[in-house]
Amino acid sequence: MAGKARAVLDSLLHWMRETGFDYATDLVAALVILAAGACAIKVLSSLLRKGLNRADGRHALAVRFIVSVIVKSAWAVLIVVVLGKLGVNVGPLIAGLGVTGFILGFAFQESLGSLASGLMIALNEPFKVGDYVAVGGYEGTVLQLDMMAVTLATPDNRRITIPNKSAWGTPIVNYSALPLRRVDLTMGVSYDTSIPFARETALAALAAVPGVLADPAPTAEVKSFDDSAITLAIRGWVANADYWRVYYAASQSLKEAFDKAGIDIPFPQMDVRLVAGNAPQNNVKGK
């Protein structure tokens, strides 16, 4: 037993004399490289974030994505260097990572599609958090925006998460992008109504609604001559935040103004005229 222990001790001492010192030196050097590299990556991340945030036209999501990619790439390079310093053959490791990356890319192609679409959204910035948008077949206020999905809060308080691939692949309507928005209303008046009088009444009613802007001025024009009514297109400009309040108030104000002015708002109807003559008579048998 003592002989075996003495043999192990001799082997250990021989390894320390032959390669132990070099290995210890390499280990210390690897730890120093790792610590210095970690500090350098932290400084690089901070400088990149500050520099990109100062650049015009950079979206916060794009900044986070760019910084994240560069930092992760820097860590990958640092780990390869440290392993190489420890004597690890990194060639097969890199080759294995390449094959693994190809397999994972094929397996997660849908997720990668959303990631690429998220990058396009970040760079083009069609909307931001807080905007009211129509995207992917849904409407709502943007609650959250990341590289994989867009989260909306609908007017009826539903939370909807839309993959970026679906969001970027469909038309995007941003109702909050511009400071002003137009309220479009239609009112039908009877054919007996004076069009100038109806227009004047509509404009006065619309101008009386708080929030309707004088410039651009409201308009009221004939839109179409329909079966039962002359349809007026009544439009007024409002601040974006006031849109729905003004929309509902203007609808009520127009109805009340037309009633007060005695303007008839007709409902769909059909006039049937019976013409006397030698029209053929159909025999109808009762049941």
C-alpha atoms as a PDB file:
ATOM      1  CA  MET A   1       0.000   0.000   0.000  1.00  0.00           C
ATOM      2  CA  ALA A   2       2.804   2.348   0.958  1.00  0.00           C
ATOM      3  CA  GLY A   3       4.539   1.476  -2.270  1.00  0.00           C
ATOM      4  CA  LYS A   4       1.524   2.475  -4.364  1.00  0.00           C
ATOM      5  CA  ALA A   5       1.215   5.784  -2.527  1.00  0.00           C
ATOM      6  CA  ARG A   6       4.914   6.434  -3.020  1.00  0.00           C
ATOM      7  CA  ALA A   7       4.540   5.695  -6.770  1.00  0.00           C
ATOM      8  CA  VAL A   8       1.622   8.110  -7.107  1.00  0.00           C
ATOM      9  CA  LEU A   9       3.565  10.805  -5.237  1.00  0.00           C
ATOM     10  CA  ASP A  10       6.591  10.270  -7.454  1.00  0.00           C
ATOM     11  CA  SER A  11       4.424  10.550 -10.574  1.00  0.00           C
ATOM     12  CA  LEU A  12       2.909  13.776  -9.293  1.00  0.00           C
ATOM     13  CA  LEU A  13       6.295  15.265  -8.486  1.00  0.00           C
ATOM     14  CA  HIS A  14       7.591  14.219 -11.893  1.00  0.00           C
ATOM     15  CA  TRP A  15       4.582  15.884 -13.615  1.00  0.00           C
ATOM     16  CA  MET A  16       5.103  19.051 -11.595  1.00  0.00           C
ATOM     17  CA  ARG A  17       8.786  19.169 -12.542  1.00  0.00           C
ATOM     18  CA  GLU A  18       8.161  18.488 -16.210  1.00  0.00           C
ATOM     19  CA  THR A  19       4.882  20.301 -17.037  1.00  0.00           C
ATOM     20  CA  GLY A  20       3.298  21.519 -13.817  1.00  0.00           C
ATOM     21  CA  PHE A  21       5.020  24.882 -13.782  1.00  0.00           C
ATOM     22  CA  ASP A  22       4.158  25.557 -17.424  1.00  0.00           C
ATOM     23  CA  TYR A  23       0.532  24.508 -16.846  1.00  0.00           C
ATOM     24  CA  ALA A  24       0.265  26.719 -13.768  1.00  0.00           C
ATOM     25  CA  THR A  25       1.699  29.608 -15.742  1.00  0.00           C
ATOM     26  CA  ASP A  26      -0.776  29.022 -18.544  1.00  0.00           C
ATOM     27  CA  LEU A  27      -3.647  28.816 -16.033  1.00  0.00           C
ATOM     28  CA  VAL A  28      -2.688  32.087 -14.395  1.00  0.00           C
ATOM     29  CA  ALA A  29      -2.293  33.702 -17.810  1.00  0.00           C
ATOM     30  CA  ALA A  30      -5.709  32.368 -18.867  1.00  0.00           C
ATOM     31  CA  LEU A  31      -7.343  33.772 -15.716  1.00  0.00           C
ATOM     32  CA  VAL A  32      -5.678  37.139 -16.287  1.00  0.00           C
ATOM     33  CA  ILE A  33      -6.852  37.166 -19.922  1.00  0.00           C
ATOM     34  CA  LEU A  34     -10.389  36.217 -18.800  1.00  0.00           C
ATOM     35  CA  ALA A  35     -10.539  38.963 -16.176  1.00  0.00           C
ATOM     36  CA  ALA A  36      -9.052  41.602 -18.481  1.00  0.00           C
ATOM     37  CA  GLY A  37     -11.336  40.524 -21.309  1.00  0.00           C
ATOM     38  CA  ALA A  38     -14.427  40.694 -19.100  1.00  0.00           C
ATOM     39  CA  CYS A  39     -13.513  44.248 -18.046  1.00  0.00           C
ATOM     40  CA  ALA A  40     -12.851  45.227 -21.656  1.00  0.00           C
ATOM     41  CA  ILE A  41     -16.215  43.807 -22.785  1.00  0.00           C
ATOM     42  CA  LYS A  42     -18.004  45.715 -20.030  1.00  0.00           C
ATOM     43  CA  VAL A  43     -16.327  48.975 -21.068  1.00  0.00           C
ATOM     44  CA  LEU A  44     -17.022  48.249 -24.746  1.00  0.00           C
ATOM     45  CA  SER A  45     -20.707  47.591 -23.984  1.00  0.00           C
ATOM     46  CA  SER A  46     -21.018  50.893 -22.113  1.00  0.00           C
ATOM     47  CA  LEU A  47     -19.252  52.879 -24.831  1.00  0.00           C
ATOM     48  CA  LEU A  48     -21.331  51.288 -27.595  1.00  0.00           C
ATOM     49  CA  ARG A  49     -24.595  51.955 -25.782  1.00  0.00           C
ATOM     50  CA  LYS A  50     -23.711  55.604 -25.146  1.00  0.00           C
ATOM     51  CA  GLY A  51     -22.435  56.138 -28.678  1.00  0.00           C
ATOM     52  CA  LEU A  52     -25.456  54.574 -30.379  1.00  0.00           C
ATOM     53  CA  ASN A  53     -27.916  56.402 -28.115  1.00  0.00           C
ATOM     54  CA  ARG A  54     -26.341  59.696 -29.151  1.00  0.00           C
ATOM     55  CA  ALA A  55     -26.632  58.856 -32.849  1.00  0.00           C
ATOM     56  CA  ASP A  56     -29.672  60.315 -34.604  1.00  0.00           C
ATOM     57  CA  GLY A  57     -32.372  57.947 -35.750  1.00  0.00           C
ATOM     58  CA  ARG A  58     -31.324  55.038 -33.533  1.00  0.00           C
ATOM     59  CA  HIS A  59     -34.164  53.189 -31.878  1.00  0.00           C
ATOM     60  CA  ALA A  60     -33.666  51.863 -28.339  1.00  0.00           C
ATOM     61  CA  LEU A  61     -34.560  48.345 -29.484  1.00  0.00           C
ATOM     62  CA  ALA A  62     -31.948  48.458 -32.246  1.00  0.00           C
ATOM     63  CA  VAL A  63     -29.347  49.739 -29.778  1.00  0.00           C
ATOM     64  CA  ARG A  64     -30.043  46.874 -27.373  1.00  0.00           C
ATOM     65  CA  PHE A  65     -29.874  44.324 -30.186  1.00  0.00           C
ATOM     66  CA  ILE A  66     -26.623  45.656 -31.683  1.00  0.00           C
ATOM     67  CA  VAL A  67     -24.937  45.888 -28.270  1.00  0.00           C
ATOM     68  CA  SER A  68     -26.139  42.391 -27.340  1.00  0.00           C
ATOM     69  CA  VAL A  69     -24.793  40.837 -30.563  1.00  0.00           C
ATOM     70  CA  ILE A  70     -21.402  42.540 -30.232  1.00  0.00           C
ATOM     71  CA  VAL A  71     -21.054  41.653 -26.538  1.00  0.00           C
ATOM     72  CA  LYS A  72     -21.969  38.001 -27.082  1.00  0.00           C
ATOM     73  CA  SER A  73     -19.569  37.785 -30.030  1.00  0.00           C
ATOM     74  CA  ALA A  74     -16.800  39.308 -27.905  1.00  0.00           C
ATOM     75  CA  TRP A  75     -17.439  36.753 -25.146  1.00  0.00           C
ATOM     76  CA  ALA A  76     -17.279  33.915 -27.679  1.00  0.00           C
ATOM     77  CA  VAL A  77     -13.899  35.140 -28.957  1.00  0.00           C
ATOM     78  CA  LEU A  78     -12.626  35.585 -25.382  1.00  0.00           C
ATOM     79  CA  ILE A  79     -13.595  32.036 -24.396  1.00  0.00           C
ATOM     80  CA  VAL A  80     -11.868  30.601 -27.482  1.00  0.00           C
ATOM     81  CA  VAL A  81      -8.687  32.536 -26.610  1.00  0.00           C
ATOM     82  CA  VAL A  82      -8.775  31.362 -22.984  1.00  0.00           C
ATOM     83  CA  LEU A  83      -9.297  27.732 -23.985  1.00  0.00           C
ATOM     84  CA  GLY A  84      -6.454  27.997 -26.490  1.00  0.00           C
ATOM     85  CA  LYS A  85      -4.207  29.369 -23.775  1.00  0.00           C
ATOM     86  CA  LEU A  86      -5.022  26.334 -21.632  1.00  0.00           C
ATOM     87  CA  GLY A  87      -3.927  24.049 -24.458  1.00  0.00           C
ATOM     88  CA  VAL A  88      -7.373  23.000 -25.617  1.00  0.00           C
ATOM     89  CA  ASN A  89      -7.609  22.266 -29.348  1.00  0.00           C
ATOM     90  CA  VAL A  90     -10.422  24.639 -30.315  1.00  0.00           C
ATOM     91  CA  GLY A  91     -10.503  23.616 -33.993  1.00  0.00           C
ATOM     92  CA  PRO A  92     -12.909  20.688 -33.542  1.00  0.00           C
ATOM     93  CA  LEU A  93     -14.937  22.795 -31.099  1.00  0.00           C
ATOM     94  CA  ILE A  94     -15.419  25.565 -33.657  1.00  0.00           C
ATOM     95  CA  ALA A  95     -16.311  23.027 -36.346  1.00  0.00           C
ATOM     96  CA  GLY A  96     -18.822  21.391 -33.998  1.00  0.00           C
ATOM     97  CA  LEU A  97     -20.377  24.727 -33.171  1.00  0.00           C
ATOM     98  CA  GLY A  98     -20.781  25.418 -36.893  1.00  0.00           C
ATOM     99  CA  VAL A  99     -22.644  22.148 -37.469  1.00  0.00           C
ATOM    100  CA  THR A 100     -24.734  22.693 -34.353  1.00  0.00           C
ATOM    101  CA  GLY A 101     -25.571  26.213 -35.484  1.00  0.00           C
ATOM    102  CA  PHE A 102     -26.741  24.927 -38.861  1.00  0.00           C
ATOM    103  CA  ILE A 103     -29.002  22.323 -37.225  1.00  0.00           C
ATOM    104  CA  LEU A 104     -30.432  24.814 -34.750  1.00  0.00           C
ATOM    105  CA  GLY A 105     -30.984  27.368 -37.523  1.00  0.00           C
ATOM    106  CA  PHE A 106     -33.015  24.853 -39.503  1.00  0.00           C
ATOM    107  CA  ALA A 107     -35.004  23.810 -36.422  1.00  0.00           C
ATOM    108  CA  PHE A 108     -35.750  27.378 -35.303  1.00  0.00           C
ATOM    109  CA  GLN A 109     -36.268  29.014 -38.688  1.00  0.00           C
ATOM    110  CA  GLU A 110     -39.604  30.518 -37.611  1.00  0.00           C
ATOM    111  CA  SER A 111     -38.016  32.078 -34.545  1.00  0.00           C
ATOM    112  CA  LEU A 112     -35.092  33.331 -36.630  1.00  0.00           C
ATOM    113  CA  GLY A 113     -37.615  34.847 -39.053  1.00  0.00           C
ATOM    114  CA  SER A 114     -39.203  36.752 -36.171  1.00  0.00           C
ATOM    115  CA  LEU A 115     -35.734  37.812 -35.005  1.00  0.00           C
ATOM    116  CA  ALA A 116     -34.876  39.170 -38.464  1.00  0.00           C
ATOM    117  CA  SER A 117     -38.250  40.934 -38.645  1.00  0.00           C
ATOM    118  CA  GLY A 118     -37.607  42.386 -35.192  1.00  0.00           C
ATOM    119  CA  LEU A 119     -34.349  43.827 -36.481  1.00  0.00           C
ATOM    120  CA  MET A 120     -36.201  45.412 -39.423  1.00  0.00           C
ATOM    121  CA  ILE A 121     -38.786  46.904 -37.057  1.00  0.00           C
ATOM    122  CA  ALA A 122     -36.009  48.225 -34.821  1.00  0.00           C
ATOM    123  CA  LEU A 123     -34.123  49.843 -37.705  1.00  0.00           C
ATOM    124  CA  ASN A 124     -37.162  51.287 -39.547  1.00  0.00           C
ATOM    125  CA  GLU A 125     -39.137  52.206 -36.392  1.00  0.00           C
ATOM    126  CA  PRO A 126     -42.692  52.122 -37.814  1.00  0.00           C
ATOM    127  CA  PHE A 127     -44.006  52.438 -34.250  1.00  0.00           C
ATOM    128  CA  LYS A 128     -42.826  52.653 -30.657  1.00  0.00           C
ATOM    129  CA  VAL A 129     -44.118  51.791 -27.207  1.00  0.00           C
ATOM    130  CA  GLY A 130     -47.245  53.839 -26.454  1.00  0.00           C
ATOM    131  CA  ASP A 131     -48.400  54.215 -30.087  1.00  0.00           C
ATOM    132  CA  TYR A 132     -51.874  53.107 -31.146  1.00  0.00           C
ATOM    133  CA  VAL A 133     -51.427  50.872 -34.180  1.00  0.00           C
ATOM    134  CA  ALA A 134     -53.145  48.368 -36.439  1.00  0.00           C
ATOM    135  CA  VAL A 135     -50.740  45.500 -37.106  1.00  0.00           C
ATOM    136  CA  GLY A 136     -51.095  41.817 -37.916  1.00  0.00           C
ATOM    137  CA  GLY A 137     -54.878  42.123 -38.111  1.00  0.00           C
ATOM    138  CA  TYR A 138     -55.221  43.659 -34.620  1.00  0.00           C
ATOM    139  CA  GLU A 139     -55.502  47.170 -33.205  1.00  0.00           C
ATOM    140  CA  GLY A 140     -54.217  48.401 -29.876  1.00  0.00           C
ATOM    141  CA  THR A 141     -51.642  50.363 -27.923  1.00  0.00           C
ATOM    142  CA  VAL A 142     -48.080  49.017 -28.046  1.00  0.00           C
ATOM    143  CA  LEU A 143     -47.201  47.787 -24.559  1.00  0.00           C
ATOM    144  CA  GLN A 144     -43.923  46.041 -25.270  1.00  0.00           C
ATOM    145  CA  LEU A 145     -41.571  45.698 -28.204  1.00  0.00           C
ATOM    146  CA  ASP A 146     -38.656  43.271 -28.349  1.00  0.00           C
ATOM    147  CA  MET A 147     -36.743  41.333 -30.985  1.00  0.00           C
ATOM    148  CA  MET A 148     -39.245  38.458 -31.088  1.00  0.00           C
ATOM    149  CA  ALA A 149     -42.737  39.920 -30.664  1.00  0.00           C
ATOM    150  CA  VAL A 150     -44.962  42.984 -30.333  1.00  0.00           C
ATOM    151  CA  THR A 151     -47.405  43.133 -27.421  1.00  0.00           C
ATOM    152  CA  LEU A 152     -50.604  45.185 -27.789  1.00  0.00           C
ATOM    153  CA  ALA A 153     -53.304  46.252 -25.337  1.00  0.00           C
ATOM    154  CA  THR A 154     -56.640  46.432 -27.165  1.00  0.00           C
ATOM    155  CA  PRO A 155     -59.335  49.031 -26.351  1.00  0.00           C
ATOM    156  CA  ASP A 156     -61.378  46.298 -24.609  1.00  0.00           C
ATOM    157  CA  ASN A 157     -58.378  45.496 -22.379  1.00  0.00           C
ATOM    158  CA  ARG A 158     -57.042  42.362 -24.048  1.00  0.00           C
ATOM    159  CA  ARG A 159     -53.322  41.622 -24.228  1.00  0.00           C
ATOM    160  CA  ILE A 160     -52.230  40.352 -27.657  1.00  0.00           C
ATOM    161  CA  THR A 161     -48.725  39.142 -28.516  1.00  0.00           C
ATOM    162  CA  ILE A 162     -47.901  39.184 -32.228  1.00  0.00           C
ATOM    163  CA  PRO A 163     -44.712  37.539 -33.572  1.00  0.00           C
ATOM    164  CA  ASN A 164     -42.528  40.074 -35.354  1.00  0.00           C
ATOM    165  CA  LYS A 165     -42.630  37.949 -38.494  1.00  0.00           C
ATOM    166  CA  SER A 166     -46.410  38.433 -38.672  1.00  0.00           C
ATOM    167  CA  ALA A 167     -46.186  42.109 -37.717  1.00  0.00           C
ATOM    168  CA  TRP A 168     -43.553  43.037 -40.310  1.00  0.00           C
ATOM    169  CA  GLY A 169     -45.180  40.905 -43.020  1.00  0.00           C
ATOM    170  CA  THR A 170     -48.468  42.855 -43.010  1.00  0.00           C
ATOM    171  CA  PRO A 171     -49.358  46.553 -43.545  1.00  0.00           C
ATOM    172  CA  ILE A 172     -48.771  48.627 -40.418  1.00  0.00           C
ATOM    173  CA  VAL A 173     -51.054  51.563 -39.597  1.00  0.00           C
ATOM    174  CA  ASN A 174     -49.722  53.930 -36.924  1.00  0.00           C
ATOM    175  CA  TYR A 175     -52.506  56.203 -35.716  1.00  0.00           C
ATOM    176  CA  SER A 176     -50.187  58.015 -33.290  1.00  0.00           C
ATOM    177  CA  ALA A 177     -47.366  58.888 -35.680  1.00  0.00           C
ATOM    178  CA  LEU A 178     -48.669  62.341 -36.676  1.00  0.00           C
ATOM    179  CA  PRO A 179     -49.816  65.133 -34.351  1.00  0.00           C
ATOM    180  CA  LEU A 180     -53.189  65.715 -36.061  1.00  0.00           C
ATOM    181  CA  ARG A 181     -55.922  63.334 -37.119  1.00  0.00           C
ATOM    182  CA  ARG A 182     -59.087  63.882 -39.158  1.00  0.00           C
ATOM    183  CA  VAL A 183     -62.527  62.952 -37.871  1.00  0.00           C
ATOM    184  CA  ASP A 184     -64.652  61.666 -40.761  1.00  0.00           C
ATOM    185  CA  LEU A 185     -68.434  61.546 -40.344  1.00  0.00           C
ATOM    186  CA  THR A 186     -71.292  61.034 -42.781  1.00  0.00           C
ATOM    187  CA  MET A 187     -74.874  62.284 -42.462  1.00  0.00           C
ATOM    188  CA  GLY A 188     -77.779  61.653 -44.800  1.00  0.00           C
ATOM    189  CA  VAL A 189     -80.374  64.355 -45.511  1.00  0.00           C
ATOM    190  CA  SER A 190     -83.545  64.104 -47.508  1.00  0.00           C
ATOM    191  CA  TYR A 191     -83.744  65.232 -51.131  1.00  0.00           C
ATOM    192  CA  ASP A 192     -86.089  68.060 -50.052  1.00  0.00           C
ATOM    193  CA  THR A 193     -83.309  69.634 -47.947  1.00  0.00           C
ATOM    194  CA  SER A 194     -81.365  72.658 -49.175  1.00  0.00           C
ATOM    195  CA  ILE A 195     -77.776  71.497 -49.563  1.00  0.00           C
ATOM    196  CA  PRO A 196     -76.215  74.888 -48.650  1.00  0.00           C
ATOM    197  CA  PHE A 197     -78.386  75.025 -45.515  1.00  0.00           C
ATOM    198  CA  ALA A 198     -77.434  71.480 -44.530  1.00  0.00           C
ATOM    199  CA  ARG A 199     -73.738  72.237 -45.069  1.00  0.00           C
ATOM    200  CA  GLU A 200     -73.964  75.435 -43.022  1.00  0.00           C
ATOM    201  CA  THR A 201     -75.728  73.605 -40.182  1.00  0.00           C
ATOM    202  CA  ALA A 202     -73.166  70.792 -40.181  1.00  0.00           C
ATOM    203  CA  LEU A 203     -70.200  73.168 -40.138  1.00  0.00           C
ATOM    204  CA  ALA A 204     -71.671  75.197 -37.275  1.00  0.00           C
ATOM    205  CA  ALA A 205     -72.358  72.038 -35.254  1.00  0.00           C
ATOM    206  CA  LEU A 206     -68.862  70.678 -35.859  1.00  0.00           C
ATOM    207  CA  ALA A 207     -67.161  73.985 -35.009  1.00  0.00           C
ATOM    208  CA  ALA A 208     -69.018  74.090 -31.699  1.00  0.00           C
ATOM    209  CA  VAL A 209     -67.450  70.826 -30.505  1.00  0.00           C
ATOM    210  CA  PRO A 210     -64.477  71.465 -28.168  1.00  0.00           C
ATOM    211  CA  GLY A 211     -61.255  70.178 -29.701  1.00  0.00           C
ATOM    212  CA  VAL A 212     -62.141  70.704 -33.370  1.00  0.00           C
ATOM    213  CA  LEU A 213     -59.414  72.861 -34.900  1.00  0.00           C
ATOM    214  CA  ALA A 214     -60.124  76.003 -36.896  1.00  0.00           C
ATOM    215  CA  ASP A 215     -57.016  75.395 -39.010  1.00  0.00           C
ATOM    216  CA  PRO A 216     -57.287  73.220 -41.025  1.00  0.00           C
ATOM    217  CA  ALA A 217     -60.892  74.308 -41.317  1.00  0.00           C
ATOM    218  CA  PRO A 218     -63.756  71.790 -41.074  1.00  0.00           C
ATOM    219  CA  THR A 219     -65.494  70.829 -44.299  1.00  0.00           C
ATOM    220  CA  ALA A 220     -68.951  69.548 -45.235  1.00  0.00           C
ATOM    221  CA  GLU A 221     -69.468  68.455 -48.830  1.00  0.00           C
ATOM    222  CA  VAL A 222     -71.827  66.254 -50.792  1.00  0.00           C
ATOM    223  CA  LYS A 223     -70.373  62.748 -50.859  1.00  0.00           C
ATOM    224  CA  SER A 224     -72.996  60.878 -52.859  1.00  0.00           C
ATOM    225  CA  PHE A 225     -76.611  60.772 -54.003  1.00  0.00           C
ATOM    226  CA  ASP A 226     -77.960  57.565 -52.537  1.00  0.00           C
ATOM    227  CA  ASP A 227     -81.308  55.824 -52.913  1.00  0.00           C
ATOM    228  CA  SER A 228     -82.966  57.467 -49.922  1.00  0.00           C
ATOM    229  CA  ALA A 229     -80.714  60.408 -49.013  1.00  0.00           C
ATOM    230  CA  ILE A 230     -78.098  62.911 -50.027  1.00  0.00           C
ATOM    231  CA  THR A 231     -75.007  61.866 -48.062  1.00  0.00           C
ATOM    232  CA  LEU A 232     -72.750  64.602 -46.679  1.00  0.00           C
ATOM    233  CA  ALA A 233     -69.080  63.985 -45.821  1.00  0.00           C
ATOM    234  CA  ILE A 234     -68.338  66.061 -42.707  1.00  0.00           C
ATOM    235  CA  ARG A 235     -64.703  66.338 -41.664  1.00  0.00           C
ATOM    236  CA  GLY A 236     -62.777  68.139 -38.945  1.00  0.00           C
ATOM    237  CA  TRP A 237     -59.183  68.046 -37.720  1.00  0.00           C
ATOM    238  CA  VAL A 238     -58.282  67.353 -34.092  1.00  0.00           C
ATOM    239  CA  ALA A 239     -55.233  66.674 -31.974  1.00  0.00           C
ATOM    240  CA  ASN A 240     -54.395  62.984 -32.086  1.00  0.00           C
ATOM    241  CA  ALA A 241     -55.092  62.466 -28.391  1.00  0.00           C
ATOM    242  CA  ASP A 242     -58.586  64.018 -28.731  1.00  0.00           C
ATOM    243  CA  TYR A 243     -59.765  61.859 -31.632  1.00  0.00           C
ATOM    244  CA  TRP A 244     -62.287  59.551 -29.977  1.00  0.00           C
ATOM    245  CA  ARG A 245     -63.653  62.166 -27.583  1.00  0.00           C
ATOM    246  CA  VAL A 246     -64.305  64.544 -30.483  1.00  0.00           C
ATOM    247  CA  TYR A 247     -65.673  61.749 -32.696  1.00  0.00           C
ATOM    248  CA  TYR A 248     -68.423  60.838 -30.247  1.00  0.00           C
ATOM    249  CA  ALA A 249     -69.164  64.459 -29.281  1.00  0.00           C
ATOM    250  CA  ALA A 250     -69.372  65.529 -32.941  1.00  0.00           C
ATOM    251  CA  SER A 251     -71.757  62.681 -33.801  1.00  0.00           C
ATOM    252  CA  GLN A 252     -74.132  63.787 -31.066  1.00  0.00           C
ATOM    253  CA  SER A 253     -73.768  67.467 -31.898  1.00  0.00           C
ATOM    254  CA  LEU A 254     -74.619  66.906 -35.585  1.00  0.00           C
ATOM    255  CA  LYS A 255     -77.759  64.906 -34.768  1.00  0.00           C
ATOM    256  CA  GLU A 256     -78.982  67.532 -32.317  1.00  0.00           C
ATOM    257  CA  ALA A 257     -78.212  70.386 -34.731  1.00  0.00           C
ATOM    258  CA  PHE A 258     -80.062  68.731 -37.617  1.00  0.00           C
ATOM    259  CA  ASP A 259     -83.083  68.039 -35.407  1.00  0.00           C
ATOM    260  CA  LYS A 260     -83.113  71.650 -34.197  1.00  0.00           C
ATOM    261  CA  ALA A 261     -82.867  72.980 -37.768  1.00  0.00           C
ATOM    262  CA  GLY A 262     -85.680  70.704 -38.940  1.00  0.00           C
ATOM    263  CA  ILE A 263     -83.440  68.806 -41.347  1.00  0.00           C
ATOM    264  CA  ASP A 264     -84.841  65.377 -42.021  1.00  0.00           C
ATOM    265  CA  ILE A 265     -82.450  62.436 -41.696  1.00  0.00           C
ATOM    266  CA  PRO A 266     -84.224  59.813 -43.805  1.00  0.00           C
ATOM    267  CA  PHE A 267     -84.154  56.082 -43.301  1.00  0.00           C
ATOM    268  CA  PRO A 268     -83.928  53.647 -46.217  1.00  0.00           C
ATOM    269  CA  GLN A 269     -87.268  53.401 -47.980  1.00  0.00           C
ATOM    270  CA  MET A 270     -88.797  52.415 -51.308  1.00  0.00           C
ATOM    271  CA  ASP A 271     -91.661  54.106 -53.147  1.00  0.00           C
ATOM    272  CA  VAL A 272     -93.984  51.641 -54.930  1.00  0.00           C
ATOM    273  CA  ARG A 273     -96.255  53.081 -57.615  1.00  0.00           C
ATOM    274  CA  LEU A 274     -99.212  51.120 -58.973  1.00  0.00           C
ATOM    275  CA  VAL A 275     -99.956  51.896 -62.613  1.00  0.00           C
ATOM    276  CA  ALA A 276    -103.497  51.247 -63.814  1.00  0.00           C
ATOM    277  CA  GLY A 277    -103.785  49.481 -67.168  1.00  0.00           C
ATOM    278  CA  ASN A 278    -104.163  46.185 -68.854  1.00  0.00           C
ATOM    279  CA  ALA A 279    -101.501  44.506 -66.776  1.00  0.00           C
ATOM    280  CA  PRO A 280    -101.805  40.729 -66.735  1.00  0.00           C
ATOM    281  CA  GLN A 281    -103.476  39.301 -63.678  1.00  0.00           C
ATOM    282  CA  ASN A 282    -101.904  36.422 -61.831  1.00  0.00           C
ATOM    283  CA  ASN A 283    -104.118  33.872 -60.254  1.00  0.00           C
ATOM    284  CA  VAL A 284    -103.102  33.438 -56.671  1.00  0.00           C
ATOM    285  CA  LYS A 285    -104.637  30.615 -54.746  1.00  0.00           C
ATOM    286  CA  GLY A 286    -104.860  30.937 -51.023  1.00  0.00           C
ATOM    287  CA  LYS A 287    -103.914  28.134 -48.785  1.00  0.00           C
END
